[in-house]
Each structure stands twice: as C-alpha cells, then as structure tokens.
Amino acid sequence: MMNLYLNPHLFFLIKDGVMIVWDAKNHKQLEIEDIYIQRLKEVSKTPSVDSLSPIDQDLISEGLIQLESYDEIVWEWDDLSRIYHTGVQDIDGGVYLSEEMWVNEYMNLCDDIKEDLQTLYYSREGDQVALPDPNLSKMENMSLWKSLKQRKTSRCFNGQSVTLEELSTLLFASFGLIHGSWDELASKGFEEIGYRRSSPSGGAVHPVEAYVFVFNVEGIVPGVYHYNVKGHFLTRLSTQISHDELQQSLCGQF
C-alpha cells in the first residue's frame, strides 16, 4: 500500500474547448484529457493505492502527483491570492549565481528586450496643453525630513484653484526627467534606453503612466489628461469628467 499526493499548486482553465492544467509553482501548463482529470479527482479523495497504474505513472512524470507528501502550505488568504503569489515567484527559488553569471544573465535579458524599449516614451493623441517650466525653489529649500513630516492625505479642499505652474512642478517632480540625459551610460559605451525619475524602476523602464483628472486648475479646461514625460506637456483625452465617476473609480474615496 502506498499513498499518492496531489500537487497543491494546480488549477484548471478551459480555453478554446480544451482543459488546461496549470502548475502555478513551476510555471507549467499542460493540455489534459478527461481520464486524467478523473484520476486526479480520485487521488484527492482516496490517495491510497496498492500499485501504480499507467495513468498514475503519467501523472507522476508530469509532476501532477507524487509519492512523497508536499511541504505544508501555510496560507491565510484566499486561493486566488495564493495562485497569484505562487505563480509570480522565481521557479528556481533564488538559486545562487556568481557575480559574473548574474551580469551575463542581465546582459542577455537586455539584449532580449532592447527592441521593445525603443518606444520607451508613451504618447497619446489629442489636443496638447503646454506646461510652464517647473518652479523647484520650494522643494530646494525644504529638507527631506520636513517633507516627510508634513506629508498627509487630505480630502478637505478649500476651493482655490491650482496654478498651472504648481501643476507643472508637481508633475515634473513626480514623473518628469529630473536627471536629464544618462551621460554616464554613453561614456561607457552603453545604449541609453531607460530613463530616470525621482522614483526607482527596475531597468529604468518606468512602466507607469500619469493620467491627470483636472477639476480646478487655472487656464486648463476640466477633463482627463495624459502627462507626456518626454515633452513635459499634457494631452487632453476627454472633457467628460465628474466627481461622482471619479469617486466610483476610486472605490468610494476622493
């Protein structure tokens, strides 16, 4: 008598009339026939067997079941969260590599993705709104500690308009090219593909775009705008905007 143990990281997906079994931990997907699905259901309910059938051996070879128990999973959230958190982990579990091997891995990755990064700056079609140069004097005169202490979230507004210069400064400081060109890369013979903001980003690719909901800014028609990082201007996407719709999109917050 022996016990079979069902891989606890499996989930199933029906796609184009085909049943797919997905091993979230090992990032492996397999098309699976009904007879194997039925056997997995039996193993989950009655794991003890006298001998291994050919179907059992197939399932073992694909890592869907095994003869040894799996490590206990301590998880207090829902199963969907577990599938996500397991599925985005490294398959090798953080295998040790030498410094040279890490460098080679990174360089190979850069070669693979550099063509996709030629269009690093994202633009939207629409009427452009020019922004004045940012006024950084207030930021230059404030210490990091003071800015951290004074930072707070407020949902109580006094109704006063934000100036165009203030909006320009906020956008530039948060999303703009505050470091300018990346001269040190060019000096070492590297291509200048990424760019730097005030916040870090892996590979300097910054896959986050700034969309601005304007209600009360001097000189700008209320609406939804996209901030163009490279050109430091706004592109108007829509003038259809309401406080109620914004509140709904923010799960009731505003």
C-alpha atoms as a PDB file:
ATOM      1  CA  MET A   1       0.000   0.000   0.000  1.00  0.00           C
ATOM      2  CA  MET A   2       1.258   3.464  -0.886  1.00  0.00           C
ATOM      3  CA  ASN A   3      -0.103   7.000  -0.891  1.00  0.00           C
ATOM      4  CA  LEU A   4      -0.295   9.385  -3.809  1.00  0.00           C
ATOM      5  CA  TYR A   5      -0.135  13.114  -3.156  1.00  0.00           C
ATOM      6  CA  LEU A   6      -1.820  15.688  -5.354  1.00  0.00           C
ATOM      7  CA  ASN A   7       0.242  18.711  -6.366  1.00  0.00           C
ATOM      8  CA  PRO A   8      -1.322  21.531  -4.259  1.00  0.00           C
ATOM      9  CA  HIS A   9      -0.364  24.219  -6.784  1.00  0.00           C
ATOM     10  CA  LEU A  10      -2.663  23.097  -9.609  1.00  0.00           C
ATOM     11  CA  PHE A  11      -5.564  24.984 -11.088  1.00  0.00           C
ATOM     12  CA  PHE A  12      -7.602  24.350 -14.219  1.00  0.00           C
ATOM     13  CA  LEU A  13      -8.541  26.534 -17.150  1.00  0.00           C
ATOM     14  CA  ILE A  14     -10.918  25.841 -20.036  1.00  0.00           C
ATOM     15  CA  LYS A  15      -9.683  27.518 -23.202  1.00  0.00           C
ATOM     16  CA  ASP A  16     -10.876  27.005 -26.787  1.00  0.00           C
ATOM     17  CA  GLY A  17     -12.703  23.834 -25.780  1.00  0.00           C
ATOM     18  CA  VAL A  18      -9.596  22.344 -24.152  1.00  0.00           C
ATOM     19  CA  MET A  19      -8.960  21.693 -20.458  1.00  0.00           C
ATOM     20  CA  ILE A  20      -5.611  23.065 -19.305  1.00  0.00           C
ATOM     21  CA  VAL A  21      -3.999  22.117 -16.009  1.00  0.00           C
ATOM     22  CA  TRP A  22      -1.698  24.818 -14.726  1.00  0.00           C
ATOM     23  CA  ASP A  23       1.102  24.200 -12.233  1.00  0.00           C
ATOM     24  CA  ALA A  24       1.427  27.675 -10.718  1.00  0.00           C
ATOM     25  CA  LYS A  25       4.610  26.922  -8.775  1.00  0.00           C
ATOM     26  CA  ASN A  26       6.578  25.525 -11.704  1.00  0.00           C
ATOM     27  CA  HIS A  27       5.002  27.765 -14.382  1.00  0.00           C
ATOM     28  CA  LYS A  28       3.953  24.710 -16.370  1.00  0.00           C
ATOM     29  CA  GLN A  29       0.793  24.298 -18.472  1.00  0.00           C
ATOM     30  CA  LEU A  30      -0.487  21.021 -19.908  1.00  0.00           C
ATOM     31  CA  GLU A  31      -3.476  20.032 -22.001  1.00  0.00           C
ATOM     32  CA  ILE A  32      -5.164  17.274 -20.022  1.00  0.00           C
ATOM     33  CA  GLU A  33      -7.675  14.608 -21.063  1.00  0.00           C
ATOM     34  CA  ASP A  34     -10.794  13.711 -19.092  1.00  0.00           C
ATOM     35  CA  ILE A  35      -9.426  10.359 -17.946  1.00  0.00           C
ATOM     36  CA  TYR A  36      -6.516  12.106 -16.214  1.00  0.00           C
ATOM     37  CA  ILE A  37      -8.803  14.706 -14.648  1.00  0.00           C
ATOM     38  CA  GLN A  38     -10.926  11.905 -13.234  1.00  0.00           C
ATOM     39  CA  ARG A  39      -7.844  10.227 -11.794  1.00  0.00           C
ATOM     40  CA  LEU A  40      -6.715  13.465 -10.130  1.00  0.00           C
ATOM     41  CA  LYS A  41     -10.151  13.754  -8.525  1.00  0.00           C
ATOM     42  CA  GLU A  42      -9.845  10.183  -7.231  1.00  0.00           C
ATOM     43  CA  VAL A  43      -6.382  10.822  -5.799  1.00  0.00           C
ATOM     44  CA  SER A  44      -7.618  13.919  -3.979  1.00  0.00           C
ATOM     45  CA  LYS A  45     -10.321  11.814  -2.297  1.00  0.00           C
ATOM     46  CA  THR A  46      -8.699   8.378  -1.942  1.00  0.00           C
ATOM     47  CA  PRO A  47      -4.898   8.639  -2.107  1.00  0.00           C
ATOM     48  CA  SER A  48      -4.054   5.040  -1.100  1.00  0.00           C
ATOM     49  CA  VAL A  49      -3.214   2.534  -3.843  1.00  0.00           C
ATOM     50  CA  ASP A  50      -1.747  -0.956  -3.985  1.00  0.00           C
ATOM     51  CA  SER A  51       0.169  -0.309  -7.192  1.00  0.00           C
ATOM     52  CA  LEU A  52       0.681   2.402  -9.777  1.00  0.00           C
ATOM     53  CA  SER A  53      -1.419   2.359 -12.910  1.00  0.00           C
ATOM     54  CA  PRO A  54      -0.074   3.659 -16.249  1.00  0.00           C
ATOM     55  CA  ILE A  55      -2.184   6.785 -15.710  1.00  0.00           C
ATOM     56  CA  ASP A  56      -0.606   7.284 -12.280  1.00  0.00           C
ATOM     57  CA  GLN A  57       2.851   6.973 -13.804  1.00  0.00           C
ATOM     58  CA  ASP A  58       1.992   9.574 -16.452  1.00  0.00           C
ATOM     59  CA  LEU A  59       0.742  11.976 -13.798  1.00  0.00           C
ATOM     60  CA  ILE A  60       3.879  11.437 -11.717  1.00  0.00           C
ATOM     61  CA  SER A  61       6.157  12.060 -14.703  1.00  0.00           C
ATOM     62  CA  GLU A  62       4.423  15.406 -15.331  1.00  0.00           C
ATOM     63  CA  GLY A  63       4.633  16.436 -11.680  1.00  0.00           C
ATOM     64  CA  LEU A  64       0.877  16.464 -11.083  1.00  0.00           C
ATOM     65  CA  ILE A  65       1.095  13.870  -8.304  1.00  0.00           C
ATOM     66  CA  GLN A  66       3.970  12.305  -6.385  1.00  0.00           C
ATOM     67  CA  LEU A  67       4.720   9.557  -3.872  1.00  0.00           C
ATOM     68  CA  GLU A  68       6.059  11.900  -1.185  1.00  0.00           C
ATOM     69  CA  SER A  69       3.986  14.449   0.664  1.00  0.00           C
ATOM     70  CA  TYR A  70       4.357  18.099  -0.312  1.00  0.00           C
ATOM     71  CA  ASP A  71       5.522  20.741   2.111  1.00  0.00           C
ATOM     72  CA  GLU A  72       2.680  22.104   4.184  1.00  0.00           C
ATOM     73  CA  ILE A  73       1.300  25.352   2.770  1.00  0.00           C
ATOM     74  CA  VAL A  74       0.639  27.959   5.432  1.00  0.00           C
ATOM     75  CA  TRP A  75      -1.695  30.428   3.777  1.00  0.00           C
ATOM     76  CA  GLU A  76      -4.374  32.561   5.418  1.00  0.00           C
ATOM     77  CA  TRP A  77      -5.694  34.379   2.349  1.00  0.00           C
ATOM     78  CA  ASP A  78      -7.968  33.080  -0.378  1.00  0.00           C
ATOM     79  CA  ASP A  79      -6.910  30.570  -3.046  1.00  0.00           C
ATOM     80  CA  LEU A  80      -6.890  33.134  -5.853  1.00  0.00           C
ATOM     81  CA  SER A  81      -4.314  35.213  -3.975  1.00  0.00           C
ATOM     82  CA  ARG A  82      -2.203  32.106  -3.370  1.00  0.00           C
ATOM     83  CA  ILE A  83      -2.250  31.202  -7.076  1.00  0.00           C
ATOM     84  CA  TYR A  84      -1.089  34.706  -7.960  1.00  0.00           C
ATOM     85  CA  HIS A  85       1.659  34.949  -5.345  1.00  0.00           C
ATOM     86  CA  THR A  86       2.938  31.474  -6.181  1.00  0.00           C
ATOM     87  CA  GLY A  87       2.752  31.987  -9.934  1.00  0.00           C
ATOM     88  CA  VAL A  88       4.899  35.135  -9.961  1.00  0.00           C
ATOM     89  CA  GLN A  89       7.760  33.665  -7.930  1.00  0.00           C
ATOM     90  CA  ASP A  90      11.060  32.572  -9.456  1.00  0.00           C
ATOM     91  CA  ILE A  91      10.956  28.920 -10.486  1.00  0.00           C
ATOM     92  CA  ASP A  92      14.474  28.241  -9.201  1.00  0.00           C
ATOM     93  CA  GLY A  93      13.647  29.638  -5.768  1.00  0.00           C
ATOM     94  CA  GLY A  94      16.606  32.007  -5.787  1.00  0.00           C
ATOM     95  CA  VAL A  95      19.413  29.736  -6.942  1.00  0.00           C
ATOM     96  CA  TYR A  96      22.864  31.091  -6.142  1.00  0.00           C
ATOM     97  CA  LEU A  97      24.763  32.568  -9.068  1.00  0.00           C
ATOM     98  CA  SER A  98      28.219  34.080  -9.151  1.00  0.00           C
ATOM     99  CA  GLU A  99      28.602  37.786  -9.819  1.00  0.00           C
ATOM    100  CA  GLU A 100      29.776  37.075 -13.368  1.00  0.00           C
ATOM    101  CA  MET A 101      26.787  34.808 -14.026  1.00  0.00           C
ATOM    102  CA  TRP A 102      24.373  37.467 -12.767  1.00  0.00           C
ATOM    103  CA  VAL A 103      25.966  40.036 -15.074  1.00  0.00           C
ATOM    104  CA  ASN A 104      25.672  37.684 -18.048  1.00  0.00           C
ATOM    105  CA  GLU A 105      22.036  36.945 -17.192  1.00  0.00           C
ATOM    106  CA  TYR A 106      21.288  40.661 -17.057  1.00  0.00           C
ATOM    107  CA  MET A 107      23.086  41.411 -20.317  1.00  0.00           C
ATOM    108  CA  ASN A 108      21.212  38.606 -22.083  1.00  0.00           C
ATOM    109  CA  LEU A 109      17.931  39.983 -20.775  1.00  0.00           C
ATOM    110  CA  CYS A 110      18.835  43.457 -22.030  1.00  0.00           C
ATOM    111  CA  ASP A 111      19.539  42.054 -25.500  1.00  0.00           C
ATOM    112  CA  ASP A 112      16.166  40.298 -25.500  1.00  0.00           C
ATOM    113  CA  ILE A 113      14.093  43.348 -24.595  1.00  0.00           C
ATOM    114  CA  LYS A 114      16.001  46.293 -26.061  1.00  0.00           C
ATOM    115  CA  GLU A 115      13.982  46.314 -29.291  1.00  0.00           C
ATOM    116  CA  ASP A 116      10.766  46.643 -27.295  1.00  0.00           C
ATOM    117  CA  LEU A 117      12.200  49.573 -25.368  1.00  0.00           C
ATOM    118  CA  GLN A 118      12.905  51.711 -28.411  1.00  0.00           C
ATOM    119  CA  THR A 119       9.421  53.172 -27.908  1.00  0.00           C
ATOM    120  CA  LEU A 120      10.016  53.812 -24.219  1.00  0.00           C
ATOM    121  CA  TYR A 121       8.225  57.157 -24.155  1.00  0.00           C
ATOM    122  CA  TYR A 122       4.473  56.852 -24.447  1.00  0.00           C
ATOM    123  CA  SER A 123       2.350  59.474 -26.202  1.00  0.00           C
ATOM    124  CA  ARG A 124      -1.395  59.919 -26.617  1.00  0.00           C
ATOM    125  CA  GLU A 125      -3.318  61.579 -29.421  1.00  0.00           C
ATOM    126  CA  GLY A 126      -5.237  64.750 -28.599  1.00  0.00           C
ATOM    127  CA  ASP A 127      -5.013  68.489 -28.032  1.00  0.00           C
ATOM    128  CA  GLN A 128      -1.800  69.455 -26.283  1.00  0.00           C
ATOM    129  CA  VAL A 129      -1.629  71.805 -23.318  1.00  0.00           C
ATOM    130  CA  ALA A 130       1.756  73.444 -22.807  1.00  0.00           C
ATOM    131  CA  LEU A 131       3.153  73.499 -19.284  1.00  0.00           C
ATOM    132  CA  PRO A 132       5.436  76.247 -17.946  1.00  0.00           C
ATOM    133  CA  ASP A 133       8.859  75.404 -16.595  1.00  0.00           C
ATOM    134  CA  PRO A 134       8.606  73.858 -13.125  1.00  0.00           C
ATOM    135  CA  ASN A 135       9.433  76.071 -10.152  1.00  0.00           C
ATOM    136  CA  LEU A 136      11.621  73.925  -7.924  1.00  0.00           C
ATOM    137  CA  SER A 137      12.605  76.659  -5.464  1.00  0.00           C
ATOM    138  CA  LYS A 138      10.201  75.472  -2.744  1.00  0.00           C
ATOM    139  CA  MET A 139      11.494  71.926  -2.987  1.00  0.00           C
ATOM    140  CA  GLU A 140      15.096  73.031  -2.975  1.00  0.00           C
ATOM    141  CA  ASN A 141      14.502  74.937   0.266  1.00  0.00           C
ATOM    142  CA  MET A 142      12.771  72.074   2.092  1.00  0.00           C
ATOM    143  CA  SER A 143      14.620  69.225   3.786  1.00  0.00           C
ATOM    144  CA  LEU A 144      13.675  65.604   3.166  1.00  0.00           C
ATOM    145  CA  TRP A 145      12.749  65.192   6.824  1.00  0.00           C
ATOM    146  CA  LYS A 146      10.453  68.220   6.762  1.00  0.00           C
ATOM    147  CA  SER A 147       8.677  66.999   3.628  1.00  0.00           C
ATOM    148  CA  LEU A 148       8.154  63.565   5.198  1.00  0.00           C
ATOM    149  CA  LYS A 149       6.754  65.097   8.386  1.00  0.00           C
ATOM    150  CA  GLN A 150       4.387  67.430   6.537  1.00  0.00           C
ATOM    151  CA  ARG A 151       3.095  64.830   4.074  1.00  0.00           C
ATOM    152  CA  LYS A 152      -0.515  63.823   4.665  1.00  0.00           C
ATOM    153  CA  THR A 153      -3.629  62.779   2.783  1.00  0.00           C
ATOM    154  CA  SER A 154      -6.402  65.357   2.813  1.00  0.00           C
ATOM    155  CA  ARG A 155      -9.903  65.151   1.384  1.00  0.00           C
ATOM    156  CA  CYS A 156     -10.921  68.586   2.576  1.00  0.00           C
ATOM    157  CA  PHE A 157     -10.462  71.174  -0.182  1.00  0.00           C
ATOM    158  CA  ASN A 158     -10.734  74.952   0.151  1.00  0.00           C
ATOM    159  CA  GLY A 159     -11.957  75.507  -3.406  1.00  0.00           C
ATOM    160  CA  GLN A 160      -8.952  77.539  -4.519  1.00  0.00           C
ATOM    161  CA  SER A 161      -7.536  76.895  -7.974  1.00  0.00           C
ATOM    162  CA  VAL A 162      -4.169  75.240  -8.527  1.00  0.00           C
ATOM    163  CA  THR A 163      -1.906  77.326 -10.726  1.00  0.00           C
ATOM    164  CA  LEU A 164      -0.531  75.916 -13.941  1.00  0.00           C
ATOM    165  CA  GLU A 165       2.983  76.370 -12.591  1.00  0.00           C
ATOM    166  CA  GLU A 166       2.149  74.363  -9.464  1.00  0.00           C
ATOM    167  CA  LEU A 167       0.721  71.531 -11.559  1.00  0.00           C
ATOM    168  CA  SER A 168       3.778  71.620 -13.819  1.00  0.00           C
ATOM    169  CA  THR A 169       6.085  71.425 -10.807  1.00  0.00           C
ATOM    170  CA  LEU A 170       4.205  68.508  -9.241  1.00  0.00           C
ATOM    171  CA  LEU A 171       4.192  66.503 -12.467  1.00  0.00           C
ATOM    172  CA  PHE A 172       7.839  67.157 -13.235  1.00  0.00           C
ATOM    173  CA  ALA A 173       8.998  66.297  -9.707  1.00  0.00           C
ATOM    174  CA  SER A 174       6.929  63.092  -9.616  1.00  0.00           C
ATOM    175  CA  PHE A 175       7.148  61.772 -13.182  1.00  0.00           C
ATOM    176  CA  GLY A 176       9.481  64.040 -15.143  1.00  0.00           C
ATOM    177  CA  LEU A 177      13.034  63.587 -16.394  1.00  0.00           C
ATOM    178  CA  ILE A 178      14.611  65.248 -13.377  1.00  0.00           C
ATOM    179  CA  HIS A 179      18.040  63.718 -14.072  1.00  0.00           C
ATOM    180  CA  GLY A 180      18.240  64.779 -17.706  1.00  0.00           C
ATOM    181  CA  SER A 181      20.259  62.593 -20.073  1.00  0.00           C
ATOM    182  CA  TRP A 182      22.088  59.497 -18.930  1.00  0.00           C
ATOM    183  CA  ASP A 183      25.572  60.588 -19.925  1.00  0.00           C
ATOM    184  CA  GLU A 184      27.444  58.043 -17.815  1.00  0.00           C
ATOM    185  CA  LEU A 185      25.893  55.207 -19.821  1.00  0.00           C
ATOM    186  CA  ALA A 186      27.010  56.672 -23.139  1.00  0.00           C
ATOM    187  CA  SER A 187      30.505  57.285 -21.759  1.00  0.00           C
ATOM    188  CA  LYS A 188      30.810  53.541 -21.032  1.00  0.00           C
ATOM    189  CA  GLY A 189      29.530  52.523 -24.462  1.00  0.00           C
ATOM    190  CA  PHE A 190      26.025  51.509 -23.355  1.00  0.00           C
ATOM    191  CA  GLU A 191      22.813  52.422 -25.132  1.00  0.00           C
ATOM    192  CA  GLU A 192      20.667  54.970 -23.339  1.00  0.00           C
ATOM    193  CA  ILE A 193      17.386  53.062 -23.330  1.00  0.00           C
ATOM    194  CA  GLY A 194      15.877  53.660 -19.902  1.00  0.00           C
ATOM    195  CA  TYR A 195      15.275  56.946 -18.155  1.00  0.00           C
ATOM    196  CA  ARG A 196      15.253  58.128 -14.563  1.00  0.00           C
ATOM    197  CA  ARG A 197      12.538  59.728 -12.482  1.00  0.00           C
ATOM    198  CA  SER A 198      12.513  60.703  -8.830  1.00  0.00           C
ATOM    199  CA  SER A 199      11.296  57.157  -8.068  1.00  0.00           C
ATOM    200  CA  PRO A 200      13.219  53.960  -8.904  1.00  0.00           C
ATOM    201  CA  SER A 201      12.210  51.393 -11.520  1.00  0.00           C
ATOM    202  CA  GLY A 202      13.800  48.069 -12.434  1.00  0.00           C
ATOM    203  CA  GLY A 203      15.847  48.546 -15.597  1.00  0.00           C
ATOM    204  CA  ALA A 204      14.779  52.218 -15.584  1.00  0.00           C
ATOM    205  CA  VAL A 205      11.810  51.347 -17.811  1.00  0.00           C
ATOM    206  CA  HIS A 206       9.114  53.049 -15.662  1.00  0.00           C
ATOM    207  CA  PRO A 207       6.021  51.203 -16.968  1.00  0.00           C
ATOM    208  CA  VAL A 208       3.679  53.642 -15.191  1.00  0.00           C
ATOM    209  CA  GLU A 209       1.918  56.495 -16.979  1.00  0.00           C
ATOM    210  CA  ALA A 210       0.498  59.600 -15.297  1.00  0.00           C
ATOM    211  CA  TYR A 211      -3.127  60.449 -16.028  1.00  0.00           C
ATOM    212  CA  VAL A 212      -4.389  63.682 -14.501  1.00  0.00           C
ATOM    213  CA  PHE A 213      -8.010  64.408 -13.606  1.00  0.00           C
ATOM    214  CA  VAL A 214      -8.259  68.188 -13.757  1.00  0.00           C
ATOM    215  CA  PHE A 215     -11.133  69.914 -11.962  1.00  0.00           C
ATOM    216  CA  ASN A 216      -9.814  73.288 -10.846  1.00  0.00           C
ATOM    217  CA  VAL A 217      -6.538  74.338 -12.467  1.00  0.00           C
ATOM    218  CA  GLU A 218      -6.082  77.864 -13.757  1.00  0.00           C
ATOM    219  CA  GLY A 219      -6.013  78.028 -17.542  1.00  0.00           C
ATOM    220  CA  ILE A 220      -6.974  74.385 -18.193  1.00  0.00           C
ATOM    221  CA  VAL A 221     -10.369  73.050 -19.238  1.00  0.00           C
ATOM    222  CA  PRO A 222     -11.574  70.398 -16.748  1.00  0.00           C
ATOM    223  CA  GLY A 223     -11.044  66.899 -18.083  1.00  0.00           C
ATOM    224  CA  VAL A 224      -8.793  63.851 -18.239  1.00  0.00           C
ATOM    225  CA  TYR A 225      -5.214  64.395 -19.396  1.00  0.00           C
ATOM    226  CA  HIS A 226      -2.115  62.314 -20.068  1.00  0.00           C
ATOM    227  CA  TYR A 227       1.240  63.680 -18.960  1.00  0.00           C
ATOM    228  CA  ASN A 228       3.838  63.402 -21.719  1.00  0.00           C
ATOM    229  CA  VAL A 229       7.100  62.741 -19.908  1.00  0.00           C
ATOM    230  CA  LYS A 230       9.498  63.488 -22.741  1.00  0.00           C
ATOM    231  CA  GLY A 231       7.812  66.696 -23.899  1.00  0.00           C
ATOM    232  CA  HIS A 232       6.599  67.877 -20.466  1.00  0.00           C
ATOM    233  CA  PHE A 233       3.089  68.713 -21.648  1.00  0.00           C
ATOM    234  CA  LEU A 234      -0.460  67.467 -21.174  1.00  0.00           C
ATOM    235  CA  THR A 235      -2.612  65.765 -23.795  1.00  0.00           C
ATOM    236  CA  ARG A 236      -6.348  66.215 -23.380  1.00  0.00           C
ATOM    237  CA  LEU A 237      -8.165  62.886 -23.654  1.00  0.00           C
ATOM    238  CA  SER A 238     -11.656  63.849 -22.569  1.00  0.00           C
ATOM    239  CA  THR A 239     -13.643  66.743 -21.139  1.00  0.00           C
ATOM    240  CA  GLN A 240     -16.267  64.367 -19.758  1.00  0.00           C
ATOM    241  CA  ILE A 241     -15.443  64.218 -16.067  1.00  0.00           C
ATOM    242  CA  SER A 242     -17.405  64.222 -12.835  1.00  0.00           C
ATOM    243  CA  HIS A 243     -16.682  63.915  -9.129  1.00  0.00           C
ATOM    244  CA  ASP A 244     -19.138  61.021  -8.844  1.00  0.00           C
ATOM    245  CA  GLU A 245     -17.439  58.972 -11.576  1.00  0.00           C
ATOM    246  CA  LEU A 246     -14.016  59.608 -10.083  1.00  0.00           C
ATOM    247  CA  GLN A 247     -15.254  58.562  -6.658  1.00  0.00           C
ATOM    248  CA  GLN A 248     -16.635  55.319  -8.081  1.00  0.00           C
ATOM    249  CA  SER A 249     -13.346  54.530  -9.839  1.00  0.00           C
ATOM    250  CA  LEU A 250     -11.503  55.053  -6.525  1.00  0.00           C
ATOM    251  CA  CYS A 251     -13.756  52.648  -4.593  1.00  0.00           C
ATOM    252  CA  GLY A 252     -15.618  55.479  -2.888  1.00  0.00           C
ATOM    253  CA  GLN A 253     -12.575  57.553  -1.966  1.00  0.00           C
ATOM    254  CA  PHE A 254     -11.961  61.097  -3.131  1.00  0.00           C
END
